[in-house]
Amino acid sequence: MLINLMVGLPVMLICLLLQAFFLNISLRQYARFKHAHREHETPSVNVMLLYTVLLLLTLAYFAEALIWAVLFMLLGEFDDFKTALYHSGVNFVTLGYGDVVMSPRWRMLGPLEAANGILMFGLSTAVMTASVLDIINQNKARLNKKSRRPWRLRRRRSH
């Protein structure tokens, strides 16, 4: 089991760095897009914002599953990369079909990859939640600003 940790933890760290890189790109693109369209924000702009973040994070998941698949191939667990990638994907998203299994020596890498996937999806969920809340708050602020304007104008005229 110790050998599984010694082999799996560095891969987890690589995936964490990769996820941090993609999260950074996603947040920067979000901020740039938001800044560029702040005057003309429409529902389609918000959809494109969320779509961009989701696309980048999905690419990160795929890249991370690829990294695990490469590890499985390097360990000689699978004869073809397609099977290694399938097994990795099933582990990463914690499906656990069990139709393709690793040898007893490396079997504990499956739960490690699943733990890695859960962490990555958790980070991504936090980013998506923050993005959605930002859009909601901005829309609420715009609606409040629109609804207050006529009231303030009427109030000033009456005095």
C-alpha atoms as a PDB file:
ATOM      1  CA  MET A   1       0.000   0.000   0.000  1.00  0.00           C
ATOM      2  CA  LEU A   2       2.866   2.387   0.753  1.00  0.00           C
ATOM      3  CA  ILE A   3       4.156   2.014  -2.805  1.00  0.00           C
ATOM      4  CA  ASN A   4       0.718   3.039  -4.091  1.00  0.00           C
ATOM      5  CA  LEU A   5       0.870   6.216  -2.003  1.00  0.00           C
ATOM      6  CA  MET A   6       4.426   6.974  -3.097  1.00  0.00           C
ATOM      7  CA  VAL A   7       3.411   6.613  -6.767  1.00  0.00           C
ATOM      8  CA  GLY A   8      -0.084   8.130  -6.511  1.00  0.00           C
ATOM      9  CA  LEU A   9       0.523  11.205  -4.364  1.00  0.00           C
ATOM     10  CA  PRO A  10       2.937  12.884  -6.810  1.00  0.00           C
ATOM     11  CA  VAL A  11       0.362  12.351  -9.586  1.00  0.00           C
ATOM     12  CA  MET A  12      -2.298  13.877  -7.343  1.00  0.00           C
ATOM     13  CA  LEU A  13      -0.043  16.890  -6.793  1.00  0.00           C
ATOM     14  CA  ILE A  14       0.554  17.250 -10.529  1.00  0.00           C
ATOM     15  CA  CYS A  15      -3.215  17.160 -11.095  1.00  0.00           C
ATOM     16  CA  LEU A  16      -3.736  19.731  -8.346  1.00  0.00           C
ATOM     17  CA  LEU A  17      -1.206  22.046 -10.003  1.00  0.00           C
ATOM     18  CA  LEU A  18      -2.896  21.514 -13.352  1.00  0.00           C
ATOM     19  CA  GLN A  19      -6.307  22.239 -11.835  1.00  0.00           C
ATOM     20  CA  ALA A  20      -4.943  25.397 -10.186  1.00  0.00           C
ATOM     21  CA  PHE A  21      -3.554  26.463 -13.566  1.00  0.00           C
ATOM     22  CA  PHE A  22      -6.917  25.918 -15.297  1.00  0.00           C
ATOM     23  CA  LEU A  23      -8.797  27.603 -12.440  1.00  0.00           C
ATOM     24  CA  ASN A  24      -6.477  30.592 -12.759  1.00  0.00           C
ATOM     25  CA  ILE A  25      -7.062  30.789 -16.517  1.00  0.00           C
ATOM     26  CA  SER A  26     -10.825  30.412 -15.998  1.00  0.00           C
ATOM     27  CA  LEU A  27     -10.981  33.173 -13.406  1.00  0.00           C
ATOM     28  CA  ARG A  28      -8.814  35.505 -15.500  1.00  0.00           C
ATOM     29  CA  GLN A  29     -10.939  34.910 -18.584  1.00  0.00           C
ATOM     30  CA  TYR A  30     -14.064  35.426 -16.506  1.00  0.00           C
ATOM     31  CA  ALA A  31     -12.756  38.745 -15.195  1.00  0.00           C
ATOM     32  CA  ARG A  32     -11.594  39.919 -18.636  1.00  0.00           C
ATOM     33  CA  PHE A  33     -14.879  38.972 -20.275  1.00  0.00           C
ATOM     34  CA  LYS A  34     -16.839  40.596 -17.463  1.00  0.00           C
ATOM     35  CA  HIS A  35     -14.816  43.800 -17.739  1.00  0.00           C
ATOM     36  CA  ALA A  36     -15.070  43.957 -21.532  1.00  0.00           C
ATOM     37  CA  HIS A  37     -18.862  43.478 -21.503  1.00  0.00           C
ATOM     38  CA  ARG A  38     -19.782  45.323 -18.301  1.00  0.00           C
ATOM     39  CA  GLU A  39     -21.784  47.969 -20.163  1.00  0.00           C
ATOM     40  CA  HIS A  40     -23.669  45.537 -22.386  1.00  0.00           C
ATOM     41  CA  GLU A  41     -24.233  42.545 -20.168  1.00  0.00           C
ATOM     42  CA  THR A  42     -27.024  40.379 -21.516  1.00  0.00           C
ATOM     43  CA  PRO A  43     -28.203  36.859 -20.735  1.00  0.00           C
ATOM     44  CA  SER A  44     -26.170  35.584 -23.681  1.00  0.00           C
ATOM     45  CA  VAL A  45     -23.043  37.257 -22.269  1.00  0.00           C
ATOM     46  CA  ASN A  46     -23.644  35.501 -18.945  1.00  0.00           C
ATOM     47  CA  VAL A  47     -24.143  32.185 -20.725  1.00  0.00           C
ATOM     48  CA  MET A  48     -20.870  32.667 -22.595  1.00  0.00           C
ATOM     49  CA  LEU A  49     -19.112  33.462 -19.327  1.00  0.00           C
ATOM     50  CA  LEU A  50     -20.310  30.292 -17.663  1.00  0.00           C
ATOM     51  CA  TYR A  51     -19.716  28.268 -20.821  1.00  0.00           C
ATOM     52  CA  THR A  52     -16.091  29.443 -20.996  1.00  0.00           C
ATOM     53  CA  VAL A  53     -15.441  28.541 -17.362  1.00  0.00           C
ATOM     54  CA  LEU A  54     -17.123  25.137 -17.752  1.00  0.00           C
ATOM     55  CA  LEU A  55     -15.219  24.379 -20.944  1.00  0.00           C
ATOM     56  CA  LEU A  56     -11.851  25.187 -19.398  1.00  0.00           C
ATOM     57  CA  LEU A  57     -12.588  23.124 -16.302  1.00  0.00           C
ATOM     58  CA  THR A  58     -13.773  20.188 -18.420  1.00  0.00           C
ATOM     59  CA  LEU A  59     -10.503  20.338 -20.345  1.00  0.00           C
ATOM     60  CA  ALA A  60      -8.683  20.200 -17.012  1.00  0.00           C
ATOM     61  CA  TYR A  61     -10.616  17.075 -15.982  1.00  0.00           C
ATOM     62  CA  PHE A  62      -9.766  15.381 -19.245  1.00  0.00           C
ATOM     63  CA  ALA A  63      -6.092  16.309 -18.946  1.00  0.00           C
ATOM     64  CA  GLU A  64      -5.985  14.982 -15.389  1.00  0.00           C
ATOM     65  CA  ALA A  65      -7.604  11.676 -16.386  1.00  0.00           C
ATOM     66  CA  LEU A  66      -5.007  11.474 -19.182  1.00  0.00           C
ATOM     67  CA  ILE A  67      -2.207  11.897 -16.647  1.00  0.00           C
ATOM     68  CA  TRP A  68      -3.540   9.025 -14.558  1.00  0.00           C
ATOM     69  CA  ALA A  69      -3.946   6.883 -17.694  1.00  0.00           C
ATOM     70  CA  VAL A  70      -0.313   7.531 -18.608  1.00  0.00           C
ATOM     71  CA  LEU A  71       0.695   6.411 -15.117  1.00  0.00           C
ATOM     72  CA  PHE A  72      -1.321   3.204 -15.514  1.00  0.00           C
ATOM     73  CA  MET A  73       0.400   2.531 -18.840  1.00  0.00           C
ATOM     74  CA  LEU A  74       3.854   3.223 -17.337  1.00  0.00           C
ATOM     75  CA  LEU A  75       3.084   0.729 -14.585  1.00  0.00           C
ATOM     76  CA  GLY A  76       2.169  -1.862 -17.216  1.00  0.00           C
ATOM     77  CA  GLU A  77      -1.395  -2.223 -15.974  1.00  0.00           C
ATOM     78  CA  PHE A  78      -3.042  -2.051 -19.393  1.00  0.00           C
ATOM     79  CA  ASP A  79      -2.079  -3.195 -22.861  1.00  0.00           C
ATOM     80  CA  ASP A  80      -3.678  -0.269 -24.684  1.00  0.00           C
ATOM     81  CA  PHE A  81      -4.091   3.401 -23.877  1.00  0.00           C
ATOM     82  CA  LYS A  82      -7.806   3.380 -24.671  1.00  0.00           C
ATOM     83  CA  THR A  83      -8.489   0.944 -21.820  1.00  0.00           C
ATOM     84  CA  ALA A  84      -6.188   2.863 -19.471  1.00  0.00           C
ATOM     85  CA  LEU A  85      -8.017   6.103 -20.262  1.00  0.00           C
ATOM     86  CA  TYR A  86     -11.414   4.461 -19.818  1.00  0.00           C
ATOM     87  CA  HIS A  87     -10.376   3.032 -16.445  1.00  0.00           C
ATOM     88  CA  SER A  88      -8.928   6.373 -15.429  1.00  0.00           C
ATOM     89  CA  GLY A  89     -12.089   8.231 -16.400  1.00  0.00           C
ATOM     90  CA  VAL A  90     -14.263   5.804 -14.441  1.00  0.00           C
ATOM     91  CA  ASN A  91     -12.038   6.285 -11.391  1.00  0.00           C
ATOM     92  CA  PHE A  92     -11.701  10.057 -11.744  1.00  0.00           C
ATOM     93  CA  VAL A  93     -15.437  10.685 -11.813  1.00  0.00           C
ATOM     94  CA  THR A  94     -15.946   8.028  -9.104  1.00  0.00           C
ATOM     95  CA  LEU A  95     -18.295   5.832 -11.151  1.00  0.00           C
ATOM     96  CA  GLY A  96     -16.482   2.655 -10.190  1.00  0.00           C
ATOM     97  CA  TYR A  97     -17.990   0.333 -12.784  1.00  0.00           C
ATOM     98  CA  GLY A  98     -15.533  -2.429 -11.973  1.00  0.00           C
ATOM     99  CA  ASP A  99     -15.577  -3.905 -15.467  1.00  0.00           C
ATOM    100  CA  VAL A 100     -11.864  -3.117 -15.832  1.00  0.00           C
ATOM    101  CA  VAL A 101      -9.717  -3.670 -12.761  1.00  0.00           C
ATOM    102  CA  MET A 102      -6.080  -3.233 -11.937  1.00  0.00           C
ATOM    103  CA  SER A 103      -3.758  -5.872 -10.529  1.00  0.00           C
ATOM    104  CA  PRO A 104      -3.741  -6.295  -6.754  1.00  0.00           C
ATOM    105  CA  ARG A 105      -0.366  -4.542  -6.545  1.00  0.00           C
ATOM    106  CA  TRP A 106      -1.694  -1.238  -7.968  1.00  0.00           C
ATOM    107  CA  ARG A 107      -5.378  -1.542  -7.104  1.00  0.00           C
ATOM    108  CA  MET A 108      -5.202   1.188  -4.408  1.00  0.00           C
ATOM    109  CA  LEU A 109      -4.390   3.748  -7.109  1.00  0.00           C
ATOM    110  CA  GLY A 110      -8.077   3.610  -8.095  1.00  0.00           C
ATOM    111  CA  PRO A 111      -9.341   5.090  -4.808  1.00  0.00           C
ATOM    112  CA  LEU A 112      -6.494   7.613  -4.869  1.00  0.00           C
ATOM    113  CA  GLU A 113      -7.549   8.770  -8.310  1.00  0.00           C
ATOM    114  CA  ALA A 114     -11.179   8.906  -7.161  1.00  0.00           C
ATOM    115  CA  ALA A 115     -10.164  11.070  -4.181  1.00  0.00           C
ATOM    116  CA  ASN A 116      -8.225  13.254  -6.599  1.00  0.00           C
ATOM    117  CA  GLY A 117     -11.278  13.595  -8.837  1.00  0.00           C
ATOM    118  CA  ILE A 118     -13.538  14.511  -5.919  1.00  0.00           C
ATOM    119  CA  LEU A 119     -11.115  17.250  -4.891  1.00  0.00           C
ATOM    120  CA  MET A 120     -10.931  18.619  -8.426  1.00  0.00           C
ATOM    121  CA  PHE A 121     -14.701  18.630  -8.860  1.00  0.00           C
ATOM    122  CA  GLY A 122     -15.038  20.316  -5.465  1.00  0.00           C
ATOM    123  CA  LEU A 123     -12.677  23.100  -6.496  1.00  0.00           C
ATOM    124  CA  SER A 124     -14.514  23.529  -9.767  1.00  0.00           C
ATOM    125  CA  THR A 125     -17.867  23.607  -7.988  1.00  0.00           C
ATOM    126  CA  ALA A 126     -16.597  26.423  -5.811  1.00  0.00           C
ATOM    127  CA  VAL A 127     -15.506  28.410  -8.878  1.00  0.00           C
ATOM    128  CA  MET A 128     -18.813  27.814 -10.666  1.00  0.00           C
ATOM    129  CA  THR A 129     -20.761  28.788  -7.540  1.00  0.00           C
ATOM    130  CA  ALA A 130     -18.749  31.984  -7.231  1.00  0.00           C
ATOM    131  CA  SER A 131     -19.317  32.750 -10.932  1.00  0.00           C
ATOM    132  CA  VAL A 132     -23.065  32.177 -10.713  1.00  0.00           C
ATOM    133  CA  LEU A 133     -23.320  34.244  -7.518  1.00  0.00           C
ATOM    134  CA  ASP A 134     -21.365  37.042  -9.178  1.00  0.00           C
ATOM    135  CA  ILE A 135     -23.787  37.067 -12.105  1.00  0.00           C
ATOM    136  CA  ILE A 136     -26.802  36.981  -9.766  1.00  0.00           C
ATOM    137  CA  ASN A 137     -25.431  39.820  -7.626  1.00  0.00           C
ATOM    138  CA  GLN A 138     -24.606  41.919 -10.653  1.00  0.00           C
ATOM    139  CA  ASN A 139     -28.094  41.398 -12.084  1.00  0.00           C
ATOM    140  CA  LYS A 140     -29.666  42.243  -8.711  1.00  0.00           C
ATOM    141  CA  ALA A 141     -27.576  45.418  -8.471  1.00  0.00           C
ATOM    142  CA  ARG A 142     -28.575  46.445 -11.985  1.00  0.00           C
ATOM    143  CA  LEU A 143     -32.261  45.809 -11.244  1.00  0.00           C
ATOM    144  CA  ASN A 144     -32.052  47.752  -7.983  1.00  0.00           C
ATOM    145  CA  LYS A 145     -30.349  50.619  -9.775  1.00  0.00           C
ATOM    146  CA  LYS A 146     -33.068  50.683 -12.451  1.00  0.00           C
ATOM    147  CA  SER A 147     -35.909  50.502  -9.940  1.00  0.00           C
ATOM    148  CA  ARG A 148     -34.469  53.270  -7.732  1.00  0.00           C
ATOM    149  CA  ARG A 149     -33.791  55.759 -10.501  1.00  0.00           C
ATOM    150  CA  PRO A 150     -37.385  56.790 -11.307  1.00  0.00           C
ATOM    151  CA  TRP A 151     -38.235  57.002  -7.605  1.00  0.00           C
ATOM    152  CA  ARG A 152     -35.327  59.368  -6.925  1.00  0.00           C
ATOM    153  CA  LEU A 153     -36.238  61.541  -9.897  1.00  0.00           C
ATOM    154  CA  ARG A 154     -39.865  61.795  -8.763  1.00  0.00           C
ATOM    155  CA  ARG A 155     -38.846  62.562  -5.202  1.00  0.00           C
ATOM    156  CA  ARG A 156     -36.579  65.421  -6.234  1.00  0.00           C
ATOM    157  CA  ARG A 157     -39.294  67.044  -8.315  1.00  0.00           C
ATOM    158  CA  SER A 158     -41.805  67.013  -5.474  1.00  0.00           C
ATOM    159  CA  HIS A 159     -39.585  69.055  -3.133  1.00  0.00           C
END
